[in-house]
Amino acid sequence: MGADRPVPDGPPPDLVFRRRLRPVQVAHELWGARELVRALAERDLRARYKQAVLGFAWAVLTPLALCAIFTLVFHRAVKIDTGNAPYTLFAYVGLIVWQFFSNTMNQGALSLANNLSLLNKVYCPREVFPLATMLVATVDMVIGIGVLGLMFLVFWTAPAATFLWALPLLAIQFAFTYGVALVLSVAVVYLRDVRHLLPIITQMGVFATPVAYPLAKIPQRMQEVYVGLNPLGAVIEGYRKALLFGEAPDAALTSIAAVSSVVFLVGGYLLFKKLETGIADVA
């Protein structure tokens, strides 16, 4: 009679591991690991600028160099129309956002692979590693904003009174960037080829994103879809309107970018937590 009993396909349901993510618990763990995030960010900053003659000046040399190239190519040769705003300011605002995103993306993608010895020995929320790289990129962005302030003085102009619109745009920028960094960080562990794609994505992305040109260059009928796929387009355009033209960001496009960034953040985090349990085995 025992042979007639059906053979179960797997373990009993009560023995199956089901991971439940509770937002309050997740936030509490991240807050508890804040000192680790600070220590990781400080370590990366020291490693990057240690024994560098120019030190933190390297944080702005790349965007300034790109800004000079864009000014020569897009402004003088292609004649990009930027309204009343100097093109150098116009381009540099976009470059600050892009540098923040590209630095977080490139360093965040390698954050788990570069810290395997640490995360296999010490228990901590694994998401702190890409978060620390975003903190480093934030330091670079703050330095870049300081240079932007000097550029306003050079061009004898001042940020428009609508600059406070930059705060919600900053939240959208952070949410989207962190979501992408989470996905790429775990993707590099499972698919090592991803790290070779990062330079290509960076080179193509700076031209696919309205950094050197306005969002208006994207056909009107495609702008909503474009912003949904790349929220940085609405973020950069919003910064320019708020800082350079004294206008509020486009409500529709900014709303789409906000929703899209939340989707990227939540989806990226869920994928990260789903795959993080196998990081030690794969690595």
C-alpha atoms as a PDB file:
ATOM      1  CA  MET A   1       0.000   0.000   0.000  1.00  0.00           C
ATOM      2  CA  GLY A   2       2.945   2.308   0.660  1.00  0.00           C
ATOM      3  CA  ALA A   3       3.896   2.072  -3.008  1.00  0.00           C
ATOM      4  CA  ASP A   4       0.505   3.561  -3.942  1.00  0.00           C
ATOM      5  CA  ARG A   5       1.164   6.804  -2.083  1.00  0.00           C
ATOM      6  CA  PRO A   6       1.998   9.781  -4.374  1.00  0.00           C
ATOM      7  CA  VAL A   7       5.576  10.976  -4.212  1.00  0.00           C
ATOM      8  CA  PRO A   8       5.735  14.684  -3.293  1.00  0.00           C
ATOM      9  CA  ASP A   9       7.337  16.969  -5.856  1.00  0.00           C
ATOM     10  CA  GLY A  10       9.162  18.980  -3.219  1.00  0.00           C
ATOM     11  CA  PRO A  11       9.433  19.725   0.476  1.00  0.00           C
ATOM     12  CA  PRO A  12       6.305  20.353   2.519  1.00  0.00           C
ATOM     13  CA  PRO A  13       4.929  23.895   2.182  1.00  0.00           C
ATOM     14  CA  ASP A  14       5.722  24.686   5.807  1.00  0.00           C
ATOM     15  CA  LEU A  15       9.425  23.997   5.171  1.00  0.00           C
ATOM     16  CA  VAL A  16       9.733  26.162   2.058  1.00  0.00           C
ATOM     17  CA  PHE A  17      11.700  29.343   2.737  1.00  0.00           C
ATOM     18  CA  ARG A  18       9.725  32.445   1.894  1.00  0.00           C
ATOM     19  CA  ARG A  19      11.429  35.796   2.294  1.00  0.00           C
ATOM     20  CA  ARG A  20       9.115  38.570   3.331  1.00  0.00           C
ATOM     21  CA  LEU A  21      10.257  42.140   2.978  1.00  0.00           C
ATOM     22  CA  ARG A  22       8.707  44.561   5.410  1.00  0.00           C
ATOM     23  CA  PRO A  23       9.356  48.230   4.563  1.00  0.00           C
ATOM     24  CA  VAL A  24       9.703  49.291   8.198  1.00  0.00           C
ATOM     25  CA  GLN A  25      12.153  46.493   8.945  1.00  0.00           C
ATOM     26  CA  VAL A  26      14.151  47.259   5.785  1.00  0.00           C
ATOM     27  CA  ALA A  27      14.382  50.952   6.698  1.00  0.00           C
ATOM     28  CA  HIS A  28      15.413  50.045  10.250  1.00  0.00           C
ATOM     29  CA  GLU A  29      18.212  47.763   9.006  1.00  0.00           C
ATOM     30  CA  LEU A  30      19.523  50.408   6.618  1.00  0.00           C
ATOM     31  CA  TRP A  31      19.471  53.029   9.352  1.00  0.00           C
ATOM     32  CA  GLY A  32      21.304  50.666  11.654  1.00  0.00           C
ATOM     33  CA  ALA A  33      23.995  50.198   9.006  1.00  0.00           C
ATOM     34  CA  ARG A  34      24.526  53.930   8.472  1.00  0.00           C
ATOM     35  CA  GLU A  35      27.979  53.856  10.066  1.00  0.00           C
ATOM     36  CA  LEU A  36      29.011  51.072   7.721  1.00  0.00           C
ATOM     37  CA  VAL A  37      27.781  53.098   4.739  1.00  0.00           C
ATOM     38  CA  ARG A  38      29.800  56.082   5.940  1.00  0.00           C
ATOM     39  CA  ALA A  39      32.898  53.943   6.482  1.00  0.00           C
ATOM     40  CA  LEU A  40      32.636  52.347   3.042  1.00  0.00           C
ATOM     41  CA  ALA A  41      32.142  55.740   1.373  1.00  0.00           C
ATOM     42  CA  GLU A  42      35.081  57.225   3.278  1.00  0.00           C
ATOM     43  CA  ARG A  43      37.277  54.281   2.289  1.00  0.00           C
ATOM     44  CA  ASP A  44      36.360  54.687  -1.385  1.00  0.00           C
ATOM     45  CA  LEU A  45      37.000  58.430  -1.267  1.00  0.00           C
ATOM     46  CA  ARG A  46      40.408  57.924   0.305  1.00  0.00           C
ATOM     47  CA  ALA A  47      41.309  55.227  -2.228  1.00  0.00           C
ATOM     48  CA  ARG A  48      40.231  57.411  -5.146  1.00  0.00           C
ATOM     49  CA  TYR A  49      42.035  60.598  -4.194  1.00  0.00           C
ATOM     50  CA  LYS A  50      44.954  59.244  -2.147  1.00  0.00           C
ATOM     51  CA  GLN A  51      48.274  60.623  -3.398  1.00  0.00           C
ATOM     52  CA  ALA A  52      46.458  62.491  -6.173  1.00  0.00           C
ATOM     53  CA  VAL A  53      48.094  65.863  -6.745  1.00  0.00           C
ATOM     54  CA  LEU A  54      44.827  67.576  -7.672  1.00  0.00           C
ATOM     55  CA  GLY A  55      42.786  65.724  -5.039  1.00  0.00           C
ATOM     56  CA  PHE A  56      39.070  66.456  -5.144  1.00  0.00           C
ATOM     57  CA  ALA A  57      39.555  68.650  -8.211  1.00  0.00           C
ATOM     58  CA  TRP A  58      39.288  65.454 -10.243  1.00  0.00           C
ATOM     59  CA  ALA A  59      35.601  65.412  -9.333  1.00  0.00           C
ATOM     60  CA  VAL A  60      34.992  68.383 -11.630  1.00  0.00           C
ATOM     61  CA  LEU A  61      37.709  68.041 -14.253  1.00  0.00           C
ATOM     62  CA  THR A  62      35.752  65.485 -16.298  1.00  0.00           C
ATOM     63  CA  PRO A  63      32.483  67.463 -16.456  1.00  0.00           C
ATOM     64  CA  LEU A  64      34.392  70.678 -17.139  1.00  0.00           C
ATOM     65  CA  ALA A  65      36.321  69.039 -19.968  1.00  0.00           C
ATOM     66  CA  LEU A  66      33.121  67.620 -21.459  1.00  0.00           C
ATOM     67  CA  CYS A  67      31.456  70.994 -21.031  1.00  0.00           C
ATOM     68  CA  ALA A  68      34.236  72.631 -23.048  1.00  0.00           C
ATOM     69  CA  ILE A  69      33.916  70.003 -25.796  1.00  0.00           C
ATOM     70  CA  PHE A  70      30.128  70.331 -25.906  1.00  0.00           C
ATOM     71  CA  THR A  71      30.450  74.111 -26.110  1.00  0.00           C
ATOM     72  CA  LEU A  72      32.749  73.835 -29.136  1.00  0.00           C
ATOM     73  CA  VAL A  73      30.817  71.085 -30.909  1.00  0.00           C
ATOM     74  CA  PHE A  74      27.152  71.528 -30.063  1.00  0.00           C
ATOM     75  CA  HIS A  75      26.980  75.257 -29.415  1.00  0.00           C
ATOM     76  CA  ARG A  76      29.328  76.619 -32.063  1.00  0.00           C
ATOM     77  CA  ALA A  77      29.045  73.938 -34.768  1.00  0.00           C
ATOM     78  CA  VAL A  78      25.507  72.572 -34.355  1.00  0.00           C
ATOM     79  CA  LYS A  79      24.067  75.834 -32.936  1.00  0.00           C
ATOM     80  CA  ILE A  80      21.994  74.405 -30.080  1.00  0.00           C
ATOM     81  CA  ASP A  81      19.409  76.979 -28.990  1.00  0.00           C
ATOM     82  CA  THR A  82      19.430  77.506 -25.204  1.00  0.00           C
ATOM     83  CA  GLY A  83      17.291  80.633 -25.038  1.00  0.00           C
ATOM     84  CA  ASN A  84      18.722  83.342 -22.798  1.00  0.00           C
ATOM     85  CA  ALA A  85      20.940  80.969 -20.839  1.00  0.00           C
ATOM     86  CA  PRO A  86      24.674  80.696 -21.627  1.00  0.00           C
ATOM     87  CA  TYR A  87      25.306  77.333 -23.257  1.00  0.00           C
ATOM     88  CA  THR A  88      28.171  76.555 -20.860  1.00  0.00           C
ATOM     89  CA  LEU A  89      25.800  76.784 -17.890  1.00  0.00           C
ATOM     90  CA  PHE A  90      23.137  74.896 -19.832  1.00  0.00           C
ATOM     91  CA  ALA A  91      25.471  71.982 -20.549  1.00  0.00           C
ATOM     92  CA  TYR A  92      27.152  71.934 -17.149  1.00  0.00           C
ATOM     93  CA  VAL A  93      23.831  71.517 -15.322  1.00  0.00           C
ATOM     94  CA  GLY A  94      23.171  68.399 -17.387  1.00  0.00           C
ATOM     95  CA  LEU A  95      26.702  67.124 -16.880  1.00  0.00           C
ATOM     96  CA  ILE A  96      26.445  67.342 -13.092  1.00  0.00           C
ATOM     97  CA  VAL A  97      23.405  65.070 -13.173  1.00  0.00           C
ATOM     98  CA  TRP A  98      24.980  62.699 -15.691  1.00  0.00           C
ATOM     99  CA  GLN A  99      28.256  62.435 -13.783  1.00  0.00           C
ATOM    100  CA  PHE A 100      26.372  61.564 -10.621  1.00  0.00           C
ATOM    101  CA  PHE A 101      24.429  58.857 -12.437  1.00  0.00           C
ATOM    102  CA  SER A 102      27.370  57.414 -14.383  1.00  0.00           C
ATOM    103  CA  ASN A 103      29.674  57.359 -11.331  1.00  0.00           C
ATOM    104  CA  THR A 104      27.056  55.601  -9.228  1.00  0.00           C
ATOM    105  CA  MET A 105      26.228  53.203 -12.039  1.00  0.00           C
ATOM    106  CA  ASN A 106      29.826  52.224 -12.789  1.00  0.00           C
ATOM    107  CA  GLN A 107      31.057  52.017  -9.200  1.00  0.00           C
ATOM    108  CA  GLY A 108      27.800  50.646  -7.828  1.00  0.00           C
ATOM    109  CA  ALA A 109      27.776  47.864 -10.414  1.00  0.00           C
ATOM    110  CA  LEU A 110      31.121  46.620  -9.053  1.00  0.00           C
ATOM    111  CA  SER A 111      30.362  47.295  -5.385  1.00  0.00           C
ATOM    112  CA  LEU A 112      29.401  43.702  -4.538  1.00  0.00           C
ATOM    113  CA  ALA A 113      32.060  42.055  -6.689  1.00  0.00           C
ATOM    114  CA  ASN A 114      34.760  44.233  -5.135  1.00  0.00           C
ATOM    115  CA  ASN A 115      33.633  43.510  -1.576  1.00  0.00           C
ATOM    116  CA  LEU A 116      32.961  39.765  -1.690  1.00  0.00           C
ATOM    117  CA  SER A 117      35.509  39.038   1.033  1.00  0.00           C
ATOM    118  CA  LEU A 118      33.780  41.504   3.344  1.00  0.00           C
ATOM    119  CA  LEU A 119      30.156  40.598   2.694  1.00  0.00           C
ATOM    120  CA  ASN A 120      30.911  36.879   3.113  1.00  0.00           C
ATOM    121  CA  LYS A 121      32.380  37.485   6.574  1.00  0.00           C
ATOM    122  CA  VAL A 122      30.219  40.228   8.060  1.00  0.00           C
ATOM    123  CA  TYR A 123      26.448  40.268   8.160  1.00  0.00           C
ATOM    124  CA  CYS A 124      24.919  43.474   6.917  1.00  0.00           C
ATOM    125  CA  PRO A 125      22.234  44.503   4.436  1.00  0.00           C
ATOM    126  CA  ARG A 126      23.907  43.886   1.088  1.00  0.00           C
ATOM    127  CA  GLU A 127      22.291  46.971  -0.393  1.00  0.00           C
ATOM    128  CA  VAL A 128      24.617  49.191   1.656  1.00  0.00           C
ATOM    129  CA  PHE A 129      27.436  48.588  -0.842  1.00  0.00           C
ATOM    130  CA  PRO A 130      25.797  50.280  -3.851  1.00  0.00           C
ATOM    131  CA  LEU A 131      24.384  52.864  -1.439  1.00  0.00           C
ATOM    132  CA  ALA A 132      27.913  53.763  -0.315  1.00  0.00           C
ATOM    133  CA  THR A 133      28.991  54.320  -3.920  1.00  0.00           C
ATOM    134  CA  MET A 134      26.043  56.664  -4.399  1.00  0.00           C
ATOM    135  CA  LEU A 135      27.173  58.586  -1.319  1.00  0.00           C
ATOM    136  CA  VAL A 136      30.628  58.996  -2.889  1.00  0.00           C
ATOM    137  CA  ALA A 137      28.998  60.239  -6.102  1.00  0.00           C
ATOM    138  CA  THR A 138      26.958  62.667  -4.004  1.00  0.00           C
ATOM    139  CA  VAL A 139      30.159  64.169  -2.596  1.00  0.00           C
ATOM    140  CA  ASP A 140      31.443  64.673  -6.132  1.00  0.00           C
ATOM    141  CA  MET A 141      28.120  66.230  -7.125  1.00  0.00           C
ATOM    142  CA  VAL A 142      28.258  68.680  -4.221  1.00  0.00           C
ATOM    143  CA  ILE A 143      31.715  69.767  -5.377  1.00  0.00           C
ATOM    144  CA  GLY A 144      30.324  70.161  -8.889  1.00  0.00           C
ATOM    145  CA  ILE A 145      27.472  72.308  -7.584  1.00  0.00           C
ATOM    146  CA  GLY A 146      30.040  74.556  -5.910  1.00  0.00           C
ATOM    147  CA  VAL A 147      31.761  75.015  -9.265  1.00  0.00           C
ATOM    148  CA  LEU A 148      28.356  75.762 -10.798  1.00  0.00           C
ATOM    149  CA  GLY A 149      27.969  78.591  -8.294  1.00  0.00           C
ATOM    150  CA  LEU A 150      31.292  80.034  -9.442  1.00  0.00           C
ATOM    151  CA  MET A 151      30.159  79.748 -13.059  1.00  0.00           C
ATOM    152  CA  PHE A 152      27.073  81.800 -12.247  1.00  0.00           C
ATOM    153  CA  LEU A 153      29.400  84.528 -10.987  1.00  0.00           C
ATOM    154  CA  VAL A 154      31.592  84.315 -14.089  1.00  0.00           C
ATOM    155  CA  PHE A 155      28.582  84.792 -16.368  1.00  0.00           C
ATOM    156  CA  TRP A 156      27.171  87.571 -14.192  1.00  0.00           C
ATOM    157  CA  THR A 157      23.913  85.785 -13.606  1.00  0.00           C
ATOM    158  CA  ALA A 158      22.156  84.182 -10.656  1.00  0.00           C
ATOM    159  CA  PRO A 159      19.993  81.090 -10.140  1.00  0.00           C
ATOM    160  CA  ALA A 160      16.321  81.820 -10.635  1.00  0.00           C
ATOM    161  CA  ALA A 161      14.032  82.093  -7.618  1.00  0.00           C
ATOM    162  CA  THR A 162      12.403  78.812  -8.652  1.00  0.00           C
ATOM    163  CA  PHE A 163      15.525  76.881  -7.597  1.00  0.00           C
ATOM    164  CA  LEU A 164      13.531  75.162  -4.827  1.00  0.00           C
ATOM    165  CA  TRP A 165      12.000  72.949  -7.501  1.00  0.00           C
ATOM    166  CA  ALA A 166      15.385  71.230  -7.505  1.00  0.00           C
ATOM    167  CA  LEU A 167      14.480  69.390  -4.279  1.00  0.00           C
ATOM    168  CA  PRO A 168      11.779  67.063  -5.685  1.00  0.00           C
ATOM    169  CA  LEU A 169      13.884  66.614  -8.820  1.00  0.00           C
ATOM    170  CA  LEU A 170      16.781  65.534  -6.612  1.00  0.00           C
ATOM    171  CA  ALA A 171      14.580  62.869  -5.003  1.00  0.00           C
ATOM    172  CA  ILE A 172      13.638  61.524  -8.444  1.00  0.00           C
ATOM    173  CA  GLN A 173      17.290  61.516  -9.473  1.00  0.00           C
ATOM    174  CA  PHE A 174      18.371  59.605  -6.355  1.00  0.00           C
ATOM    175  CA  ALA A 175      15.567  57.035  -6.569  1.00  0.00           C
ATOM    176  CA  PHE A 176      16.215  56.202 -10.225  1.00  0.00           C
ATOM    177  CA  THR A 177      19.984  56.072  -9.806  1.00  0.00           C
ATOM    178  CA  TYR A 178      19.872  53.813  -6.756  1.00  0.00           C
ATOM    179  CA  GLY A 179      17.418  51.455  -8.457  1.00  0.00           C
ATOM    180  CA  VAL A 180      19.722  51.088 -11.468  1.00  0.00           C
ATOM    181  CA  ALA A 181      22.762  50.596  -9.209  1.00  0.00           C
ATOM    182  CA  LEU A 182      21.004  47.813  -7.288  1.00  0.00           C
ATOM    183  CA  VAL A 183      20.159  45.915 -10.471  1.00  0.00           C
ATOM    184  CA  LEU A 184      23.620  46.290 -11.986  1.00  0.00           C
ATOM    185  CA  SER A 185      25.431  45.358  -8.764  1.00  0.00           C
ATOM    186  CA  VAL A 186      23.746  41.976  -8.544  1.00  0.00           C
ATOM    187  CA  ALA A 187      23.829  41.481 -12.323  1.00  0.00           C
ATOM    188  CA  VAL A 188      27.638  41.768 -12.359  1.00  0.00           C
ATOM    189  CA  VAL A 189      27.894  38.970  -9.794  1.00  0.00           C
ATOM    190  CA  TYR A 190      25.775  36.581 -11.859  1.00  0.00           C
ATOM    191  CA  LEU A 191      26.802  37.799 -15.332  1.00  0.00           C
ATOM    192  CA  ARG A 192      30.387  38.999 -15.441  1.00  0.00           C
ATOM    193  CA  ASP A 193      29.937  40.227 -19.023  1.00  0.00           C
ATOM    194  CA  VAL A 194      27.855  43.113 -17.671  1.00  0.00           C
ATOM    195  CA  ARG A 195      30.980  44.899 -16.426  1.00  0.00           C
ATOM    196  CA  HIS A 196      32.272  45.025 -19.999  1.00  0.00           C
ATOM    197  CA  LEU A 197      29.034  46.641 -21.139  1.00  0.00           C
ATOM    198  CA  LEU A 198      29.269  49.493 -18.638  1.00  0.00           C
ATOM    199  CA  PRO A 199      31.734  51.664 -20.638  1.00  0.00           C
ATOM    200  CA  ILE A 200      29.531  51.259 -23.720  1.00  0.00           C
ATOM    201  CA  ILE A 201      26.416  52.220 -21.760  1.00  0.00           C
ATOM    202  CA  THR A 202      28.213  55.256 -20.338  1.00  0.00           C
ATOM    203  CA  GLN A 203      29.438  56.459 -23.731  1.00  0.00           C
ATOM    204  CA  MET A 204      26.078  55.981 -25.410  1.00  0.00           C
ATOM    205  CA  GLY A 205      24.066  57.263 -22.463  1.00  0.00           C
ATOM    206  CA  VAL A 206      25.635  60.721 -22.362  1.00  0.00           C
ATOM    207  CA  PHE A 207      24.386  61.311 -25.909  1.00  0.00           C
ATOM    208  CA  ALA A 208      21.077  59.459 -25.482  1.00  0.00           C
ATOM    209  CA  THR A 209      20.298  61.699 -22.486  1.00  0.00           C
ATOM    210  CA  PRO A 210      19.593  65.425 -23.085  1.00  0.00           C
ATOM    211  CA  VAL A 211      22.861  66.595 -21.548  1.00  0.00           C
ATOM    212  CA  ALA A 212      24.283  68.556 -24.471  1.00  0.00           C
ATOM    213  CA  TYR A 213      20.903  69.437 -25.966  1.00  0.00           C
ATOM    214  CA  PRO A 214      17.418  70.296 -24.664  1.00  0.00           C
ATOM    215  CA  LEU A 215      14.647  67.756 -24.200  1.00  0.00           C
ATOM    216  CA  ALA A 216      12.751  69.601 -26.928  1.00  0.00           C
ATOM    217  CA  LYS A 217      14.999  67.848 -29.464  1.00  0.00           C
ATOM    218  CA  ILE A 218      13.070  64.668 -28.656  1.00  0.00           C
ATOM    219  CA  PRO A 219       9.852  64.577 -30.773  1.00  0.00           C
ATOM    220  CA  GLN A 220       6.875  65.789 -28.750  1.00  0.00           C
ATOM    221  CA  ARG A 221       4.927  62.559 -29.242  1.00  0.00           C
ATOM    222  CA  MET A 222       7.857  60.532 -27.883  1.00  0.00           C
ATOM    223  CA  GLN A 223       8.755  62.613 -24.839  1.00  0.00           C
ATOM    224  CA  GLU A 224       6.436  60.883 -22.368  1.00  0.00           C
ATOM    225  CA  VAL A 225       7.672  57.418 -23.381  1.00  0.00           C
ATOM    226  CA  TYR A 226      11.263  58.643 -23.369  1.00  0.00           C
ATOM    227  CA  VAL A 227      10.976  60.124 -19.877  1.00  0.00           C
ATOM    228  CA  GLY A 228       9.326  56.942 -18.631  1.00  0.00           C
ATOM    229  CA  LEU A 229      12.332  54.936 -19.800  1.00  0.00           C
ATOM    230  CA  ASN A 230      14.909  57.558 -18.842  1.00  0.00           C
ATOM    231  CA  PRO A 231      13.713  59.799 -15.990  1.00  0.00           C
ATOM    232  CA  LEU A 232      16.991  61.736 -16.130  1.00  0.00           C
ATOM    233  CA  GLY A 233      15.635  63.511 -19.205  1.00  0.00           C
ATOM    234  CA  ALA A 234      12.869  65.165 -17.187  1.00  0.00           C
ATOM    235  CA  VAL A 235      15.208  65.730 -14.229  1.00  0.00           C
ATOM    236  CA  ILE A 236      17.822  67.592 -16.276  1.00  0.00           C
ATOM    237  CA  GLU A 237      15.175  69.598 -18.113  1.00  0.00           C
ATOM    238  CA  GLY A 238      13.535  70.440 -14.796  1.00  0.00           C
ATOM    239  CA  TYR A 239      16.811  71.635 -13.272  1.00  0.00           C
ATOM    240  CA  ARG A 240      17.434  73.883 -16.252  1.00  0.00           C
ATOM    241  CA  LYS A 241      13.994  75.424 -16.097  1.00  0.00           C
ATOM    242  CA  ALA A 242      14.194  75.964 -12.348  1.00  0.00           C
ATOM    243  CA  LEU A 243      17.775  77.298 -12.219  1.00  0.00           C
ATOM    244  CA  LEU A 244      18.251  79.046 -15.548  1.00  0.00           C
ATOM    245  CA  PHE A 245      14.846  80.126 -16.832  1.00  0.00           C
ATOM    246  CA  GLY A 246      12.810  80.794 -13.691  1.00  0.00           C
ATOM    247  CA  GLU A 247      10.130  78.281 -14.666  1.00  0.00           C
ATOM    248  CA  ALA A 248       8.549  75.347 -12.913  1.00  0.00           C
ATOM    249  CA  PRO A 249       9.373  71.897 -14.335  1.00  0.00           C
ATOM    250  CA  ASP A 250       6.839  70.395 -16.712  1.00  0.00           C
ATOM    251  CA  ALA A 251       4.244  68.815 -14.423  1.00  0.00           C
ATOM    252  CA  ALA A 252       3.286  65.938 -16.714  1.00  0.00           C
ATOM    253  CA  LEU A 253       6.816  64.872 -17.599  1.00  0.00           C
ATOM    254  CA  THR A 254       8.036  65.263 -14.019  1.00  0.00           C
ATOM    255  CA  SER A 255       5.139  63.138 -12.751  1.00  0.00           C
ATOM    256  CA  ILE A 256       5.957  60.414 -15.258  1.00  0.00           C
ATOM    257  CA  ALA A 257       9.618  60.551 -14.244  1.00  0.00           C
ATOM    258  CA  ALA A 258       8.658  60.317 -10.559  1.00  0.00           C
ATOM    259  CA  VAL A 259       6.474  57.256 -11.098  1.00  0.00           C
ATOM    260  CA  SER A 260       9.105  55.653 -13.312  1.00  0.00           C
ATOM    261  CA  SER A 261      11.878  56.264 -10.772  1.00  0.00           C
ATOM    262  CA  VAL A 262       9.798  54.630  -8.025  1.00  0.00           C
ATOM    263  CA  VAL A 263       9.197  51.635 -10.290  1.00  0.00           C
ATOM    264  CA  PHE A 264      12.926  51.386 -10.975  1.00  0.00           C
ATOM    265  CA  LEU A 265      13.717  51.684  -7.264  1.00  0.00           C
ATOM    266  CA  VAL A 266      11.132  49.189  -5.995  1.00  0.00           C
ATOM    267  CA  GLY A 267      11.658  46.755  -8.858  1.00  0.00           C
ATOM    268  CA  GLY A 268      15.425  46.981  -8.534  1.00  0.00           C
ATOM    269  CA  TYR A 269      15.283  46.446  -4.788  1.00  0.00           C
ATOM    270  CA  LEU A 270      12.975  43.418  -5.062  1.00  0.00           C
ATOM    271  CA  LEU A 271      15.208  41.855  -7.708  1.00  0.00           C
ATOM    272  CA  PHE A 272      18.269  42.585  -5.578  1.00  0.00           C
ATOM    273  CA  LYS A 273      16.789  40.933  -2.471  1.00  0.00           C
ATOM    274  CA  LYS A 274      15.610  37.961  -4.507  1.00  0.00           C
ATOM    275  CA  LEU A 275      19.080  37.267  -5.907  1.00  0.00           C
ATOM    276  CA  GLU A 276      21.289  38.324  -2.990  1.00  0.00           C
ATOM    277  CA  THR A 277      20.892  34.980  -1.185  1.00  0.00           C
ATOM    278  CA  GLY A 278      22.892  33.277  -3.925  1.00  0.00           C
ATOM    279  CA  ILE A 279      25.690  35.821  -4.163  1.00  0.00           C
ATOM    280  CA  ALA A 280      28.100  33.825  -1.987  1.00  0.00           C
ATOM    281  CA  ASP A 281      27.479  30.622  -3.984  1.00  0.00           C
ATOM    282  CA  VAL A 282      27.882  32.245  -7.384  1.00  0.00           C
ATOM    283  CA  ALA A 283      30.926  34.309  -6.417  1.00  0.00           C
END
